[in-house]
Amino acid sequence: MSQRNLAWLLVVPALVLLGAVISATAPPPEKDYKLVRTVVDVLAEVDKNYVRELTDDDKKKLVEDMIHGGLSRLDPHSTYFNEEDLQQFTTDVEGKFGGIGAYLSLHPQLQILMVDSPMIGTPAFEAGLQSGDLIYKIDDKSTENMRVDEARALIKGAPGTKLVLNVLRIGSQKLEDVPLMRAEIKILAVRGFARYPSDWAKWDYLVDKENKIALIRLSAFNEHTGEELKAAVQEAEQAGAKAMILDMRSNPGGLLSQAVYISDLFLTSGKIVSTKDRTGTGRKWEAKKEGTVFEPASERPMAVLINSDSASASEIVAAALQDNGRAVIVGERSYGKGSVQKVFELSDRKSAVKLTAEVWLTPNGKNIHRWPTSKITDDWGVRPDDGLEVKLNFEDRRQHILSVNQLDKIKSKSETPKANPDEPKYDPNYKDKILEKALEHLRKKLATGPERKPS
């Protein structure tokens, strides 16, 4: 093999990864060397004989794809993070970043970068950006043929730094430069039933004002989710809530620590979750009486909403509240992701590997993970309580997504926002079957009062 072939390989993440995993428990070094040599030989042949010469970026991407492909064969949740991926993952976990505070997408017909919605109180909101505005340039860089993730990378930056967006606003025919100052943006994972018309930043949690039933939506588990949820519960109680619905539909999960914290918010005792690693050992968490909210449980009934896309941390919370008798589960069987991933930073400190390191068990000792070989008839996932399963069709799912998305469609700070003709429309007469089932159950519970046990 030529020195040139070897040189470019030595700097790519594959060897960083293979070198990082060698430890006291790994096979002898000579076995690892043989594995590395196989990769080196393959890449050398590609570099020498492939139909076109690969650029340095091509070679880097090839090795990263090799790593991704190999890890995906282990399980769908193990993956490699290059520098950009690791930054995005850290942002998702921390729940904050420096930017302008706008959800972005591509215009469905024009394929031009478009504002989905500004976030209240952010630079984008203060500048009057609104759903449907088209972004043609970020500073001096054209967004033509730019992916959304590339645009986000350009827009993000240190708080206090400036950027200029070249924007075609809804209803206008003239491009204008919109100067913005980046700020720290916090990703909010907790929402209510609706926004107050007089104050878009404030949530109305009472979905049934007559019976005082609150609805709190939980979309992710980042570092701030537990604190946000606790504040929302307290606000709902101040509004008179006597029963509560925790909506975790399509929640993909997040931090295990936040799932434990949130479960503990509603429990005074009992198991929350336990984990088991490759050696058969693991960790376990028990609820504490201190800090419990929305009590007493006998007078404050709860329902948890899940669907087939509720996964991981949301399944931990659902199972903990169900197994401990604190809440009923309404909706569909959950996704079935009962495994825990850990992130291991590699030696360059700019990349990492995320590996499935443990499986978790419900308080009742059930492993709910859906393995690639699992059948639909097997026992996996969190199931709704008897009589509270809801069958959905395609249109039910579509309308639910559209209705929830409206909660994030903040028009503008402007007093006269323009309508976006390309915005997907939802049926205002749509009935949320899962929510209606939960409301029906809780109304009955409130009407009959707490169960009386004989003395």
Foldseek 3Di string as FASTA:
>chain_A
DDPVLVVLVVPACVVLVLVQPDDPPDDPPVVSVVVVVVVSVVSSCCCVPPPDHDDSVRSNVVSQVVQQVVQVVVDVPWHKFFLLRVVVLVCQQQQKFKFFAFDWDAQPPPRFIFTCAGDPPGQCQVLWAAGGKGWQDKANHGCVVPHPSRVRVSGTDDAQDKIWTFIDGPPHDDTDIGITGIHMDGHAFKAADAADPVDLVDHDQQPPLVQLEGEMEGAEQHPCHLVVVVVVLVVSVVSPHFEYEYEQELRQYHDLVSLLSNLLQADQWAWQKWKQFPVRDTGTDIHHNPNHDQDDLLRYAYEYEYEQNRDDSSQSSQLRCVVVVSYFYAEAFYNFQFFDWDWAQTPVNSMIIIHGGIGMAGRVGDGQHAGPPHDPPDRHGDGGDPPRYDDDDPLLVVQVVLVVSVSRRDGHPDPDGDDNPSRDDHDPPDDNVRVVSVVVVVVVDNVVGGDDDDD
